[in-house]
Amino acid sequence: MGIFLIGYLLWGFSTGQITLLWTTIPEFDTWKIDSSFTTVEDSGGESWKIRYESKNTTIFEGLVRHTSPINERAFPLLSHDILVTSGDFSDPSIVRTSVSNHRFYWYSEQQNRPQGTINLLHTVPSTEEIYQQLAQVRKGDRVRIKGIEILDINRYDQQGEFRGSWADAGCNTLLVTSVEILP
């Protein structure tokens, strides 16, 4: 029975069916968010300033090879890591993938670089509804996720003192404005 329970828990965490009790959930009902989604302030006075790479919408479409909640207490705006792949990167017999500590890794035994795309999205849901849709995305789903790419997020305490920043390194931090799970 114990082996079954451990196996079930491992499966649940890896697929996103089960999340940890300390998972941070965006608190849209208590946050003050400006109309351009460049400043978010919580009820305690802590705030985050968001800078975007551009004002253009970016679309990521493909097969999900990984999804997991993000538990960064200093940046509760971030909700999920979702690895979206296309082409050869979608085929586990051609490309092996893994995600650890908000970074993705891939390996292929092919001589040439695999064709297609691989993108790890660090998601910032624009609304509570978008958050709920992101929470429904599972490994193996085909998705189309749209949003505006974020350059960085700066955190400030109640006195307005800088307390750190989030910037991705080779991934895509994204203010998500649309989520579709495709047939």
Protein backbone atom coordinates (compact mmCIF):
# COMPACT_ATOMS: atom_id res chain seq x y z
CA MET A 1 0.00 0.00 0.00
CA GLY A 2 2.86 2.38 0.87
CA ILE A 3 4.58 1.84 -2.49
CA PHE A 4 1.29 2.53 -4.28
CA LEU A 5 0.80 5.77 -2.30
CA ILE A 6 4.35 6.96 -3.02
CA GLY A 7 3.91 6.13 -6.72
CA TYR A 8 0.59 7.97 -6.84
CA LEU A 9 2.09 11.04 -5.16
CA LEU A 10 5.09 11.06 -7.52
CA TRP A 11 2.76 10.76 -10.51
CA GLY A 12 0.48 13.48 -9.15
CA PHE A 13 3.29 15.97 -8.58
CA SER A 14 4.92 15.28 -11.96
CA THR A 15 1.67 15.71 -13.90
CA GLY A 16 0.38 18.67 -11.92
CA GLN A 17 -2.64 16.70 -10.68
CA ILE A 18 -1.42 17.28 -7.10
CA THR A 19 0.27 20.46 -5.93
CA LEU A 20 2.10 21.27 -2.73
CA LEU A 21 0.22 22.83 0.16
CA TRP A 22 2.49 25.90 0.10
CA THR A 23 1.87 26.63 -3.59
CA THR A 24 1.54 30.37 -4.07
CA ILE A 25 -1.69 31.42 -5.74
CA PRO A 26 -2.09 34.90 -7.24
CA GLU A 27 -4.33 36.99 -5.00
CA PHE A 28 -6.21 38.98 -7.64
CA ASP A 29 -8.97 39.95 -5.18
CA THR A 30 -6.54 41.79 -2.86
CA TRP A 31 -3.98 43.13 -5.35
CA LYS A 32 -4.02 46.62 -6.81
CA ILE A 33 -3.04 46.25 -10.48
CA ASP A 34 -2.65 49.28 -12.74
CA SER A 35 -4.42 49.26 -16.13
CA SER A 36 -1.22 48.51 -18.10
CA PHE A 37 -0.22 45.67 -15.72
CA THR A 38 3.11 47.35 -14.97
CA THR A 39 2.61 47.74 -11.20
CA VAL A 40 1.08 45.27 -8.78
CA GLU A 41 0.72 46.03 -5.05
CA ASP A 42 -0.46 43.64 -2.37
CA SER A 43 -2.56 44.51 0.68
CA GLY A 44 0.59 44.76 2.85
CA GLY A 45 2.20 47.42 0.63
CA GLU A 46 4.76 45.20 -1.10
CA SER A 47 4.88 45.90 -4.85
CA TRP A 48 6.26 44.61 -8.12
CA LYS A 49 7.17 46.68 -11.20
CA ILE A 50 7.01 44.88 -14.54
CA ARG A 51 8.96 45.87 -17.66
CA TYR A 52 8.03 44.32 -20.99
CA GLU A 53 10.25 43.41 -23.92
CA SER A 54 7.71 45.02 -26.28
CA LYS A 55 3.98 45.68 -26.50
CA ASN A 56 3.48 42.92 -29.06
CA THR A 57 1.62 39.70 -28.36
CA THR A 58 3.61 36.48 -28.68
CA ILE A 59 2.01 33.10 -29.37
CA PHE A 60 3.43 29.79 -28.13
CA GLU A 61 1.77 26.73 -29.66
CA GLY A 62 2.68 23.09 -29.35
CA LEU A 63 2.84 20.04 -27.14
CA VAL A 64 3.33 20.45 -23.38
CA ARG A 65 6.25 18.31 -22.20
CA HIS A 66 6.28 19.68 -18.61
CA THR A 67 4.10 21.75 -16.32
CA SER A 68 4.58 22.62 -12.67
CA PRO A 69 3.52 25.35 -10.25
CA ILE A 70 6.02 28.09 -9.44
CA ASN A 71 6.50 28.58 -5.69
CA GLU A 72 8.50 31.80 -5.54
CA ARG A 73 7.14 33.59 -2.47
CA ALA A 74 9.03 36.76 -3.38
CA PHE A 75 7.29 36.77 -6.80
CA PRO A 76 3.73 35.47 -6.25
CA LEU A 77 2.70 36.86 -9.65
CA LEU A 78 4.46 33.87 -11.26
CA SER A 79 2.18 30.84 -11.38
CA HIS A 80 3.49 28.02 -13.62
CA ASP A 81 6.44 26.71 -15.60
CA ILE A 82 5.12 25.22 -18.86
CA LEU A 83 7.43 23.66 -21.47
CA VAL A 84 5.84 24.08 -24.92
CA THR A 85 7.43 22.18 -27.82
CA SER A 86 6.93 21.67 -31.54
CA GLY A 87 8.49 19.57 -34.30
CA ASP A 88 11.21 17.14 -33.18
CA PHE A 89 11.18 18.65 -29.67
CA SER A 90 7.65 17.22 -29.25
CA ASP A 91 8.81 13.67 -29.89
CA PRO A 92 10.29 11.97 -26.79
CA SER A 93 11.88 9.29 -29.00
CA ILE A 94 13.98 12.04 -30.67
CA VAL A 95 14.48 14.59 -27.87
CA ARG A 96 14.59 14.03 -24.10
CA THR A 97 13.59 17.05 -22.02
CA SER A 98 13.66 17.98 -18.36
CA VAL A 99 12.92 21.05 -16.26
CA SER A 100 14.66 21.90 -13.00
CA ASN A 101 14.80 25.13 -11.01
CA HIS A 102 13.03 27.12 -13.76
CA ARG A 103 15.47 25.95 -16.47
CA PHE A 104 14.93 23.49 -19.26
CA TYR A 105 17.33 20.95 -20.69
CA TRP A 106 17.11 18.85 -23.81
CA TYR A 107 19.20 16.08 -25.31
CA SER A 108 19.10 14.34 -28.67
CA GLU A 109 21.31 11.68 -30.19
CA GLN A 110 20.67 13.09 -33.68
CA GLN A 111 23.65 14.46 -35.60
CA ASN A 112 21.80 17.65 -36.55
CA ARG A 113 19.96 20.03 -34.26
CA PRO A 114 16.33 18.92 -33.95
CA GLN A 115 13.79 20.89 -35.96
CA GLY A 116 11.03 22.80 -34.20
CA THR A 117 10.81 24.94 -31.09
CA ILE A 118 11.22 24.51 -27.36
CA ASN A 119 10.10 27.25 -24.94
CA LEU A 120 9.86 27.23 -21.16
CA LEU A 121 7.16 29.70 -20.16
CA HIS A 122 7.26 31.30 -16.70
CA THR A 123 3.65 32.45 -16.57
CA VAL A 124 2.13 35.55 -15.00
CA PRO A 125 -1.65 35.21 -15.41
CA SER A 126 -3.38 38.47 -16.32
CA THR A 127 -6.63 37.50 -14.56
CA GLU A 128 -7.92 34.90 -12.12
CA GLU A 129 -9.72 33.18 -15.02
CA ILE A 130 -6.40 32.88 -16.91
CA TYR A 131 -4.80 31.46 -13.74
CA GLN A 132 -7.52 28.78 -13.56
CA GLN A 133 -6.97 27.92 -17.24
CA LEU A 134 -3.19 27.62 -16.72
CA ALA A 135 -3.84 25.33 -13.75
CA GLN A 136 -5.75 22.98 -16.11
CA VAL A 137 -2.81 22.55 -18.54
CA ARG A 138 -1.26 19.08 -18.29
CA LYS A 139 1.74 17.29 -19.76
CA GLY A 140 0.67 15.87 -23.12
CA ASP A 141 -1.82 18.67 -23.91
CA ARG A 142 -1.55 20.63 -27.14
CA VAL A 143 -1.85 24.32 -26.28
CA ARG A 144 -1.86 27.82 -27.69
CA ILE A 145 -0.77 30.37 -25.08
CA LYS A 146 -0.72 34.09 -25.92
CA GLY A 147 0.76 36.95 -24.00
CA ILE A 148 3.26 39.77 -23.72
CA GLU A 149 6.87 38.89 -22.98
CA ILE A 150 8.26 40.30 -19.73
CA LEU A 151 11.81 41.64 -19.55
CA ASP A 152 11.98 41.68 -15.74
CA ILE A 153 9.98 42.05 -12.53
CA ASN A 154 11.39 44.20 -9.71
CA ARG A 155 10.20 43.70 -6.13
CA TYR A 156 9.87 46.52 -3.55
CA ASP A 157 9.05 46.35 0.14
CA GLN A 158 6.47 48.49 2.00
CA GLN A 159 8.94 51.41 2.22
CA GLY A 160 9.65 51.28 -1.53
CA GLU A 161 13.10 49.73 -1.07
CA PHE A 162 14.28 47.44 -3.87
CA ARG A 163 14.28 43.79 -2.71
CA GLY A 164 15.24 41.80 -5.81
CA SER A 165 14.31 41.02 -9.37
CA TRP A 166 13.17 38.19 -11.60
CA ALA A 167 14.53 37.89 -15.13
CA ASP A 168 14.63 34.73 -17.17
CA ALA A 169 17.79 33.43 -18.80
CA GLY A 170 16.89 31.87 -22.14
CA CYS A 171 13.27 31.18 -21.24
CA ASN A 172 10.12 33.26 -21.67
CA THR A 173 8.48 35.08 -18.77
CA LEU A 174 5.02 35.87 -20.11
CA LEU A 175 2.01 37.95 -19.03
CA VAL A 176 -0.57 35.42 -20.22
CA THR A 177 -3.67 36.89 -21.85
CA SER A 178 -5.10 33.75 -23.50
CA VAL A 179 -4.90 29.97 -22.95
CA GLU A 180 -6.36 27.37 -25.30
CA ILE A 181 -6.10 23.62 -24.89
CA LEU A 182 -6.29 22.34 -28.47
CA PRO A 183 -7.91 19.12 -29.67
